[in-house]
PDB file of N, CA and C in Angstrom:
ATOM      1  N   UNK A   1      22.895 140.996 -13.436  1.00  0.00           N
ATOM      2  CA  UNK A   1      22.401 140.023 -13.821  1.00  0.00           C
ATOM      3  C   UNK A   1      21.201 139.383 -12.699  1.00  0.00           C
ATOM      4  N   UNK A   2      21.825 139.394 -11.161  1.00  0.00           N
ATOM      5  CA  UNK A   2      21.326 139.440 -10.031  1.00  0.00           C
ATOM      6  C   UNK A   2      20.566 140.275  -9.623  1.00  0.00           C
ATOM      7  N   UNK A   3      21.119 141.697  -9.906  1.00  0.00           N
ATOM      8  CA  UNK A   3      20.378 142.763  -9.575  1.00  0.00           C
ATOM      9  C   UNK A   3      18.687 142.736 -10.473  1.00  0.00           C
ATOM     10  N   UNK A   4      18.687 142.115 -11.837  1.00  0.00           N
ATOM     11  CA  UNK A   4      17.479 142.005 -12.742  1.00  0.00           C
ATOM     12  C   UNK A   4      16.363 140.501 -12.165  1.00  0.00           C
ATOM     13  N   UNK A   5      17.361 139.452 -11.519  1.00  0.00           N
ATOM     14  CA  UNK A   5      16.451 138.261 -10.933  1.00  0.00           C
ATOM     15  C   UNK A   5      15.948 138.949  -9.933  1.00  0.00           C
ATOM     16  N   UNK A   6      16.195 139.617  -9.186  1.00  0.00           N
ATOM     17  CA  UNK A   6      15.715 140.061  -7.895  1.00  0.00           C
ATOM     18  C   UNK A   6      14.291 140.851  -7.874  1.00  0.00           C
ATOM     19  N   UNK A   7      14.359 141.573  -9.459  1.00  0.00           N
ATOM     20  CA  UNK A   7      12.900 142.284  -9.809  1.00  0.00           C
ATOM     21  C   UNK A   7      12.056 142.129 -10.462  1.00  0.00           C
ATOM     22  N   UNK A   8      12.531 140.080 -10.912  1.00  0.00           N
ATOM     23  CA  UNK A   8      11.327 139.586 -11.943  1.00  0.00           C
ATOM     24  C   UNK A   8      10.535 138.583 -11.086  1.00  0.00           C
ATOM     25  N   UNK A   9       9.563 137.958 -11.672  1.00  0.00           N
ATOM     26  CA  UNK A   9       8.825 137.304 -11.150  1.00  0.00           C
ATOM     27  C   UNK A   9       8.610 136.045 -10.999  1.00  0.00           C
ATOM     28  N   UNK A  10       9.452 136.029 -12.302  1.00  0.00           N
ATOM     29  CA  UNK A  10       9.310 134.223 -12.530  1.00  0.00           C
ATOM     30  C   UNK A  10      11.331 133.689 -12.707  1.00  0.00           C
ATOM     31  N   UNK A  11      12.112 133.300 -11.782  1.00  0.00           N
ATOM     32  CA  UNK A  11      13.343 133.153 -12.169  1.00  0.00           C
ATOM     33  C   UNK A  11      13.346 132.471 -13.228  1.00  0.00           C
ATOM     34  N   UNK A  12      12.702 131.238 -13.303  1.00  0.00           N
ATOM     35  CA  UNK A  12      13.100 130.274 -14.276  1.00  0.00           C
ATOM     36  C   UNK A  12      13.035 130.937 -15.659  1.00  0.00           C
ATOM     37  N   UNK A  13      12.267 131.951 -15.532  1.00  0.00           N
ATOM     38  CA  UNK A  13      12.061 132.140 -17.053  1.00  0.00           C
ATOM     39  C   UNK A  13      12.707 133.275 -17.628  1.00  0.00           C
ATOM     40  N   UNK A  14      13.521 133.717 -16.525  1.00  0.00           N
ATOM     41  CA  UNK A  14      14.357 134.886 -16.831  1.00  0.00           C
ATOM     42  C   UNK A  14      16.165 133.898 -16.978  1.00  0.00           C
ATOM     43  N   UNK A  15      16.363 132.814 -16.510  1.00  0.00           N
ATOM     44  CA  UNK A  15      17.432 131.782 -16.803  1.00  0.00           C
ATOM     45  C   UNK A  15      16.742 131.765 -18.132  1.00  0.00           C
ATOM     46  N   UNK A  16      16.266 131.107 -19.050  1.00  0.00           N
ATOM     47  CA  UNK A  16      15.305 130.762 -19.505  1.00  0.00           C
ATOM     48  C   UNK A  16      15.939 132.090 -20.426  1.00  0.00           C
ATOM     49  N   UNK A  17      15.574 132.833 -20.836  1.00  0.00           N
ATOM     50  CA  UNK A  17      15.655 133.905 -21.253  1.00  0.00           C
ATOM     51  C   UNK A  17      17.291 134.548 -21.610  1.00  0.00           C
ATOM     52  N   UNK A  18      18.434 134.207 -20.769  1.00  0.00           N
ATOM     53  CA  UNK A  18      20.058 134.021 -20.887  1.00  0.00           C
ATOM     54  C   UNK A  18      20.414 132.977 -21.215  1.00  0.00           C
ATOM     55  N   UNK A  19      19.773 131.348 -21.143  1.00  0.00           N
ATOM     56  CA  UNK A  19      19.956 130.384 -21.771  1.00  0.00           C
ATOM     57  C   UNK A  19      21.198 129.873 -20.552  1.00  0.00           C
ATOM     58  N   UNK A  20      21.127 130.554 -19.609  1.00  0.00           N
ATOM     59  CA  UNK A  20      21.699 129.847 -17.928  1.00  0.00           C
ATOM     60  C   UNK A  20      20.852 128.597 -17.548  1.00  0.00           C
ATOM     61  N   UNK A  21      21.140 128.176 -16.260  1.00  0.00           N
ATOM     62  CA  UNK A  21      20.635 127.656 -14.889  1.00  0.00           C
ATOM     63  C   UNK A  21      20.059 128.808 -13.709  1.00  0.00           C
ATOM     64  N   UNK A  22      19.026 127.949 -13.718  1.00  0.00           N
ATOM     65  CA  UNK A  22      18.486 128.764 -12.593  1.00  0.00           C
ATOM     66  C   UNK A  22      19.571 128.519 -11.320  1.00  0.00           C
ATOM     67  N   UNK A  23      20.150 127.600 -10.806  1.00  0.00           N
ATOM     68  CA  UNK A  23      20.776 127.455  -9.938  1.00  0.00           C
ATOM     69  C   UNK A  23      22.316 128.664 -10.258  1.00  0.00           C
ATOM     70  N   UNK A  24      22.345 128.335 -11.327  1.00  0.00           N
ATOM     71  CA  UNK A  24      23.902 129.190 -11.167  1.00  0.00           C
ATOM     72  C   UNK A  24      23.466 131.446 -10.717  1.00  0.00           C
ATOM     73  N   UNK A  25      21.990 131.248 -11.314  1.00  0.00           N
ATOM     74  CA  UNK A  25      21.854 132.545 -11.049  1.00  0.00           C
ATOM     75  C   UNK A  25      21.397 132.976  -9.400  1.00  0.00           C
ATOM     76  N   UNK A  26      21.211 131.313  -9.103  1.00  0.00           N
ATOM     77  CA  UNK A  26      20.936 131.401  -7.026  1.00  0.00           C
ATOM     78  C   UNK A  26      22.248 131.629  -6.666  1.00  0.00           C
ATOM     79  N   UNK A  27      23.414 130.658  -7.158  1.00  0.00           N
ATOM     80  CA  UNK A  27      25.090 130.987  -7.129  1.00  0.00           C
ATOM     81  C   UNK A  27      25.627 131.944  -6.786  1.00  0.00           C
ATOM     82  N   UNK A  28      25.093 132.718  -7.675  1.00  0.00           N
ATOM     83  CA  UNK A  28      25.671 134.514  -8.061  1.00  0.00           C
ATOM     84  C   UNK A  28      25.389 135.673  -6.797  1.00  0.00           C
ATOM     85  N   UNK A  29      23.950 135.132  -6.958  1.00  0.00           N
ATOM     86  CA  UNK A  29      23.439 136.079  -5.614  1.00  0.00           C
ATOM     87  C   UNK A  29      24.122 135.656  -4.379  1.00  0.00           C
ATOM     88  N   UNK A  30      24.670 134.486  -4.047  1.00  0.00           N
ATOM     89  CA  UNK A  30      24.878 134.421  -3.032  1.00  0.00           C
ATOM     90  C   UNK A  30      25.991 134.729  -2.446  1.00  0.00           C
ATOM     91  N   UNK A  31      27.194 134.198  -3.729  1.00  0.00           N
ATOM     92  CA  UNK A  31      28.955 135.204  -3.908  1.00  0.00           C
ATOM     93  C   UNK A  31      28.253 135.986  -3.629  1.00  0.00           C
ATOM     94  N   UNK A  32      27.382 136.910  -4.277  1.00  0.00           N
ATOM     95  CA  UNK A  32      27.765 138.080  -3.836  1.00  0.00           C
ATOM     96  C   UNK A  32      27.291 138.875  -2.333  1.00  0.00           C
ATOM     97  N   UNK A  33      26.212 138.136  -1.990  1.00  0.00           N
ATOM     98  CA  UNK A  33      25.811 138.613  -0.385  1.00  0.00           C
ATOM     99  C   UNK A  33      27.041 138.102   0.189  1.00  0.00           C
ATOM    100  N   UNK A  34      28.012 136.934   0.134  1.00  0.00           N
ATOM    101  CA  UNK A  34      29.244 136.840   0.603  1.00  0.00           C
ATOM    102  C   UNK A  34      29.954 137.849   0.879  1.00  0.00           C
ATOM    103  N   UNK A  35      30.405 138.068  -0.409  1.00  0.00           N
ATOM    104  CA  UNK A  35      31.588 139.332  -0.707  1.00  0.00           C
ATOM    105  C   UNK A  35      31.216 140.688  -0.028  1.00  0.00           C
ATOM    106  N   UNK A  36      29.866 141.096  -0.207  1.00  0.00           N
ATOM    107  CA  UNK A  36      29.488 142.332   0.308  1.00  0.00           C
ATOM    108  C   UNK A  36      29.031 141.776   1.847  1.00  0.00           C
ATOM    109  N   UNK A  37      28.994 140.972   2.699  1.00  0.00           N
ATOM    110  CA  UNK A  37      29.238 140.319   4.006  1.00  0.00           C
ATOM    111  C   UNK A  37      30.794 140.673   4.274  1.00  0.00           C
ATOM    112  N   UNK A  38      31.138 140.068   3.853  1.00  0.00           N
ATOM    113  CA  UNK A  38      32.803 140.098   3.851  1.00  0.00           C
ATOM    114  C   UNK A  38      33.392 141.584   4.294  1.00  0.00           C
ATOM    115  N   UNK A  39      33.037 141.885   2.793  1.00  0.00           N
ATOM    116  CA  UNK A  39      33.572 143.867   2.850  1.00  0.00           C
ATOM    117  C   UNK A  39      33.026 144.749   4.147  1.00  0.00           C
ATOM    118  N   UNK A  40      31.816 144.286   4.667  1.00  0.00           N
ATOM    119  CA  UNK A  40      31.101 145.257   5.522  1.00  0.00           C
ATOM    120  C   UNK A  40      32.081 145.160   6.515  1.00  0.00           C
ATOM    121  N   UNK A  41      32.208 143.670   6.800  1.00  0.00           N
ATOM    122  CA  UNK A  41      32.772 143.436   8.924  1.00  0.00           C
ATOM    123  C   UNK A  41      34.026 143.549   8.412  1.00  0.00           C
ATOM    124  N   UNK A  42      35.096 143.760   7.220  1.00  0.00           N
ATOM    125  CA  UNK A  42      36.194 143.395   7.362  1.00  0.00           C
ATOM    126  C   UNK A  42      36.618 145.639   7.367  1.00  0.00           C
ATOM    127  N   UNK A  43      35.462 145.696   7.059  1.00  0.00           N
ATOM    128  CA  UNK A  43      35.601 148.127   6.768  1.00  0.00           C
ATOM    129  C   UNK A  43      36.096 148.177   5.401  1.00  0.00           C
ATOM    130  N   UNK A  44      35.902 147.881   4.673  1.00  0.00           N
ATOM    131  CA  UNK A  44      36.569 147.788   3.448  1.00  0.00           C
ATOM    132  C   UNK A  44      35.784 148.711   2.250  1.00  0.00           C
ATOM    133  N   UNK A  45      36.200 149.411   1.979  1.00  0.00           N
ATOM    134  CA  UNK A  45      35.070 150.006   0.910  1.00  0.00           C
ATOM    135  C   UNK A  45      35.718 150.130  -0.438  1.00  0.00           C
ATOM    136  N   UNK A  46      37.190 149.145  -0.789  1.00  0.00           N
ATOM    137  CA  UNK A  46      37.483 149.075  -2.337  1.00  0.00           C
ATOM    138  C   UNK A  46      36.674 148.316  -3.150  1.00  0.00           C
ATOM    139  N   UNK A  47      35.860 148.725  -4.267  1.00  0.00           N
ATOM    140  CA  UNK A  47      35.646 148.162  -5.209  1.00  0.00           C
ATOM    141  C   UNK A  47      36.206 146.332  -5.974  1.00  0.00           C
ATOM    142  N   UNK A  48      35.849 145.291  -5.988  1.00  0.00           N
ATOM    143  CA  UNK A  48      36.279 144.150  -6.677  1.00  0.00           C
ATOM    144  C   UNK A  48      36.818 144.838  -7.860  1.00  0.00           C
ATOM    145  N   UNK A  49      38.587 144.027  -8.374  1.00  0.00           N
ATOM    146  CA  UNK A  49      38.281 144.184  -9.556  1.00  0.00           C
ATOM    147  C   UNK A  49      39.291 143.234 -10.470  1.00  0.00           C
ATOM    148  N   UNK A  50      38.919 143.094 -11.626  1.00  0.00           N
ATOM    149  CA  UNK A  50      39.990 142.269 -12.412  1.00  0.00           C
ATOM    150  C   UNK A  50      41.069 142.550 -12.819  1.00  0.00           C
ATOM    151  N   UNK A  51      42.257 142.028 -12.798  1.00  0.00           N
ATOM    152  CA  UNK A  51      43.556 142.706 -12.818  1.00  0.00           C
ATOM    153  C   UNK A  51      44.365 141.993 -14.361  1.00  0.00           C
ATOM    154  N   UNK A  52      44.694 142.266 -15.379  1.00  0.00           N
ATOM    155  CA  UNK A  52      45.083 141.668 -16.546  1.00  0.00           C
ATOM    156  C   UNK A  52      46.772 141.068 -16.167  1.00  0.00           C
ATOM    157  N   UNK A  53      46.619 140.015 -16.739  1.00  0.00           N
ATOM    158  CA  UNK A  53      47.839 139.542 -16.646  1.00  0.00           C
ATOM    159  C   UNK A  53      48.263 139.227 -17.864  1.00  0.00           C
ATOM    160  N   UNK A  54      49.697 139.702 -17.726  1.00  0.00           N
ATOM    161  CA  UNK A  54      50.645 139.324 -19.593  1.00  0.00           C
ATOM    162  C   UNK A  54      51.901 138.387 -18.771  1.00  0.00           C
ATOM    163  N   UNK A  55      52.001 136.647 -19.332  1.00  0.00           N
ATOM    164  CA  UNK A  55      52.815 136.548 -19.321  1.00  0.00           C
ATOM    165  C   UNK A  55      53.946 136.756 -20.369  1.00  0.00           C
ATOM    166  N   UNK A  56      55.550 136.901 -19.499  1.00  0.00           N
ATOM    167  CA  UNK A  56      56.673 137.005 -20.145  1.00  0.00           C
ATOM    168  C   UNK A  56      56.827 136.022 -21.789  1.00  0.00           C
ATOM    169  N   UNK A  57      56.568 135.105 -21.654  1.00  0.00           N
ATOM    170  CA  UNK A  57      56.844 134.208 -23.131  1.00  0.00           C
ATOM    171  C   UNK A  57      55.353 133.808 -23.687  1.00  0.00           C
ATOM    172  N   UNK A  58      55.170 134.035 -24.920  1.00  0.00           N
ATOM    173  CA  UNK A  58      53.891 133.668 -25.240  1.00  0.00           C
ATOM    174  C   UNK A  58      53.482 132.027 -25.092  1.00  0.00           C
ATOM    175  N   UNK A  59      54.298 130.862 -25.434  1.00  0.00           N
ATOM    176  CA  UNK A  59      54.104 129.572 -24.991  1.00  0.00           C
ATOM    177  C   UNK A  59      55.149 129.012 -24.047  1.00  0.00           C
ATOM    178  N   UNK A  60      54.736 128.312 -22.731  1.00  0.00           N
ATOM    179  CA  UNK A  60      55.786 127.680 -22.703  1.00  0.00           C
ATOM    180  C   UNK A  60      56.177 126.735 -23.372  1.00  0.00           C
ATOM    181  N   UNK A  61      57.083 125.612 -22.482  1.00  0.00           N
ATOM    182  CA  UNK A  61      57.785 124.227 -23.679  1.00  0.00           C
ATOM    183  C   UNK A  61      56.823 123.639 -23.439  1.00  0.00           C
ATOM    184  N   UNK A  62      56.163 122.526 -24.637  1.00  0.00           N
ATOM    185  CA  UNK A  62      55.133 121.867 -24.416  1.00  0.00           C
ATOM    186  C   UNK A  62      54.926 120.987 -23.668  1.00  0.00           C
ATOM    187  N   UNK A  63      56.144 120.103 -23.530  1.00  0.00           N
ATOM    188  CA  UNK A  63      56.635 119.750 -22.623  1.00  0.00           C
ATOM    189  C   UNK A  63      55.762 119.627 -21.002  1.00  0.00           C
ATOM    190  N   UNK A  64      55.303 120.836 -20.667  1.00  0.00           N
ATOM    191  CA  UNK A  64      54.978 120.886 -19.337  1.00  0.00           C
ATOM    192  C   UNK A  64      53.606 121.498 -19.645  1.00  0.00           C
ATOM    193  N   UNK A  65      53.132 121.768 -20.574  1.00  0.00           N
ATOM    194  CA  UNK A  65      51.635 122.112 -20.349  1.00  0.00           C
ATOM    195  C   UNK A  65      50.533 120.846 -20.029  1.00  0.00           C
ATOM    196  N   UNK A  66      50.001 120.731 -19.604  1.00  0.00           N
ATOM    197  CA  UNK A  66      48.900 119.536 -19.474  1.00  0.00           C
ATOM    198  C   UNK A  66      47.289 120.112 -19.780  1.00  0.00           C
ATOM    199  N   UNK A  67      47.063 121.557 -19.758  1.00  0.00           N
ATOM    200  CA  UNK A  67      45.833 122.052 -20.073  1.00  0.00           C
ATOM    201  C   UNK A  67      46.219 122.900 -20.812  1.00  0.00           C
ATOM    202  N   UNK A  68      45.074 123.217 -21.876  1.00  0.00           N
ATOM    203  CA  UNK A  68      45.373 124.763 -22.835  1.00  0.00           C
ATOM    204  C   UNK A  68      44.100 125.148 -23.003  1.00  0.00           C
ATOM    205  N   UNK A  69      43.822 125.963 -22.456  1.00  0.00           N
ATOM    206  CA  UNK A  69      42.176 126.692 -22.829  1.00  0.00           C
ATOM    207  C   UNK A  69      42.161 127.983 -23.921  1.00  0.00           C
ATOM    208  N   UNK A  70      40.736 127.890 -24.140  1.00  0.00           N
ATOM    209  CA  UNK A  70      41.384 128.959 -25.272  1.00  0.00           C
ATOM    210  C   UNK A  70      39.708 129.789 -25.113  1.00  0.00           C
ATOM    211  N   UNK A  71      39.484 130.718 -24.321  1.00  0.00           N
ATOM    212  CA  UNK A  71      38.082 131.601 -23.952  1.00  0.00           C
ATOM    213  C   UNK A  71      38.126 132.665 -24.749  1.00  0.00           C
ATOM    214  N   UNK A  72      37.674 133.440 -26.195  1.00  0.00           N
ATOM    215  CA  UNK A  72      37.462 134.475 -26.146  1.00  0.00           C
ATOM    216  C   UNK A  72      38.975 135.155 -26.360  1.00  0.00           C
ATOM    217  N   UNK A  73      39.790 134.326 -26.941  1.00  0.00           N
ATOM    218  CA  UNK A  73      40.973 135.028 -27.333  1.00  0.00           C
ATOM    219  C   UNK A  73      41.911 135.105 -26.410  1.00  0.00           C
ATOM    220  N   UNK A  74      41.616 134.630 -25.201  1.00  0.00           N
ATOM    221  CA  UNK A  74      42.678 134.356 -24.047  1.00  0.00           C
ATOM    222  C   UNK A  74      42.546 132.980 -24.410  1.00  0.00           C
ATOM    223  N   UNK A  75      44.216 132.808 -24.454  1.00  0.00           N
ATOM    224  CA  UNK A  75      44.978 131.501 -23.903  1.00  0.00           C
ATOM    225  C   UNK A  75      45.160 130.675 -22.515  1.00  0.00           C
ATOM    226  N   UNK A  76      44.855 129.831 -21.821  1.00  0.00           N
ATOM    227  CA  UNK A  76      45.562 129.485 -20.649  1.00  0.00           C
ATOM    228  C   UNK A  76      46.269 128.470 -20.695  1.00  0.00           C
ATOM    229  N   UNK A  77      47.206 128.231 -20.009  1.00  0.00           N
ATOM    230  CA  UNK A  77      48.133 126.684 -20.350  1.00  0.00           C
ATOM    231  C   UNK A  77      48.305 126.661 -18.960  1.00  0.00           C
ATOM    232  N   UNK A  78      48.336 125.530 -18.329  1.00  0.00           N
ATOM    233  CA  UNK A  78      48.017 124.666 -17.534  1.00  0.00           C
ATOM    234  C   UNK A  78      49.682 123.835 -17.332  1.00  0.00           C
ATOM    235  N   UNK A  79      50.262 124.213 -16.527  1.00  0.00           N
ATOM    236  CA  UNK A  79      51.657 123.031 -16.440  1.00  0.00           C
ATOM    237  C   UNK A  79      51.032 122.174 -15.298  1.00  0.00           C
ATOM    238  N   UNK A  80      52.039 120.795 -15.576  1.00  0.00           N
ATOM    239  CA  UNK A  80      51.795 119.704 -15.209  1.00  0.00           C
ATOM    240  C   UNK A  80      51.762 119.580 -13.432  1.00  0.00           C
ATOM    241  N   UNK A  81      52.525 120.545 -13.047  1.00  0.00           N
ATOM    242  CA  UNK A  81      52.634 120.359 -11.710  1.00  0.00           C
ATOM    243  C   UNK A  81      52.149 121.456 -10.733  1.00  0.00           C
ATOM    244  N   UNK A  82      50.932 122.436 -12.009  1.00  0.00           N
ATOM    245  CA  UNK A  82      50.386 123.142 -11.042  1.00  0.00           C
ATOM    246  C   UNK A  82      49.029 122.371  -9.964  1.00  0.00           C
ATOM    247  N   UNK A  83      49.189 123.216  -8.760  1.00  0.00           N
ATOM    248  CA  UNK A  83      47.928 122.544  -7.727  1.00  0.00           C
ATOM    249  C   UNK A  83      46.926 122.495  -7.881  1.00  0.00           C
ATOM    250  N   UNK A  84      46.206 121.424  -7.560  1.00  0.00           N
ATOM    251  CA  UNK A  84      44.054 121.185  -8.220  1.00  0.00           C
ATOM    252  C   UNK A  84      43.952 122.789  -7.630  1.00  0.00           C
ATOM    253  N   UNK A  85      44.162 123.112  -6.544  1.00  0.00           N
ATOM    254  CA  UNK A  85      43.177 124.161  -6.244  1.00  0.00           C
ATOM    255  C   UNK A  85      43.402 125.463  -7.158  1.00  0.00           C
ATOM    256  N   UNK A  86      44.677 125.246  -7.617  1.00  0.00           N
ATOM    257  CA  UNK A  86      44.877 126.513  -8.299  1.00  0.00           C
ATOM    258  C   UNK A  86      44.075 126.712  -9.761  1.00  0.00           C
ATOM    259  N   UNK A  87      44.529 125.222 -10.247  1.00  0.00           N
ATOM    260  CA  UNK A  87      43.230 124.767 -11.415  1.00  0.00           C
ATOM    261  C   UNK A  87      41.593 125.125 -11.231  1.00  0.00           C
ATOM    262  N   UNK A  88      41.397 124.433 -10.497  1.00  0.00           N
ATOM    263  CA  UNK A  88      39.902 124.435 -10.044  1.00  0.00           C
ATOM    264  C   UNK A  88      39.681 126.606 -10.286  1.00  0.00           C
ATOM    265  N   UNK A  89      40.451 127.200  -9.428  1.00  0.00           N
ATOM    266  CA  UNK A  89      40.429 128.505  -9.891  1.00  0.00           C
ATOM    267  C   UNK A  89      40.135 128.897 -10.820  1.00  0.00           C
ATOM    268  N   UNK A  90      41.211 128.755 -11.546  1.00  0.00           N
ATOM    269  CA  UNK A  90      41.224 129.146 -12.859  1.00  0.00           C
ATOM    270  C   UNK A  90      40.581 128.682 -13.840  1.00  0.00           C
ATOM    271  N   UNK A  91      39.895 127.581 -13.894  1.00  0.00           N
ATOM    272  CA  UNK A  91      38.847 126.977 -14.644  1.00  0.00           C
ATOM    273  C   UNK A  91      37.225 127.676 -14.295  1.00  0.00           C
ATOM    274  N   UNK A  92      37.427 127.808 -13.251  1.00  0.00           N
ATOM    275  CA  UNK A  92      36.368 127.982 -12.826  1.00  0.00           C
ATOM    276  C   UNK A  92      36.481 130.071 -12.965  1.00  0.00           C
ATOM    277  N   UNK A  93      37.390 131.339 -12.884  1.00  0.00           N
ATOM    278  CA  UNK A  93      36.897 132.606 -13.405  1.00  0.00           C
ATOM    279  C   UNK A  93      37.168 132.291 -15.029  1.00  0.00           C
ATOM    280  N   UNK A  94      37.119 131.219 -15.630  1.00  0.00           N
ATOM    281  CA  UNK A  94      37.105 131.116 -17.058  1.00  0.00           C
ATOM    282  C   UNK A  94      35.841 131.041 -17.604  1.00  0.00           C
ATOM    283  N   UNK A  95      35.106 130.329 -16.566  1.00  0.00           N
ATOM    284  CA  UNK A  95      33.052 130.325 -17.138  1.00  0.00           C
ATOM    285  C   UNK A  95      32.722 131.100 -17.633  1.00  0.00           C
ATOM    286  N   UNK A  96      31.810 131.057 -18.627  1.00  0.00           N
ATOM    287  CA  UNK A  96      30.907 132.140 -19.555  1.00  0.00           C
ATOM    288  C   UNK A  96      30.042 131.878 -19.325  1.00  0.00           C
ATOM    289  N   UNK A  97      29.166 132.368 -18.874  1.00  0.00           N
ATOM    290  CA  UNK A  97      27.613 132.366 -18.842  1.00  0.00           C
ATOM    291  C   UNK A  97      26.945 131.794 -20.257  1.00  0.00           C
ATOM    292  N   UNK A  98      26.487 131.404 -20.645  1.00  0.00           N
ATOM    293  CA  UNK A  98      25.847 130.834 -22.061  1.00  0.00           C
ATOM    294  C   UNK A  98      24.773 131.591 -22.133  1.00  0.00           C
TER     295      UNK A  98
END
């Protein structure tokens, strides 16, 4: 979407077409630019990729679960003792553009 955004003349109309905020497009563009700059400065040539994660048990004890989120059939359970920065990172990774 970032590459498509760069080619269009009206970014607000482009965002409306996909029912997302223009600020999200700008954030994605900025994050992509940062990732490319970091990769170039580190001399790293591997492409970033998501790695599937599978838990050993299907559900932790209910007393430990503070947050449970289901997105596209995947369930993420966050325990009461989870660090705030980890929770924030997990929830941001789950955001799905509308």
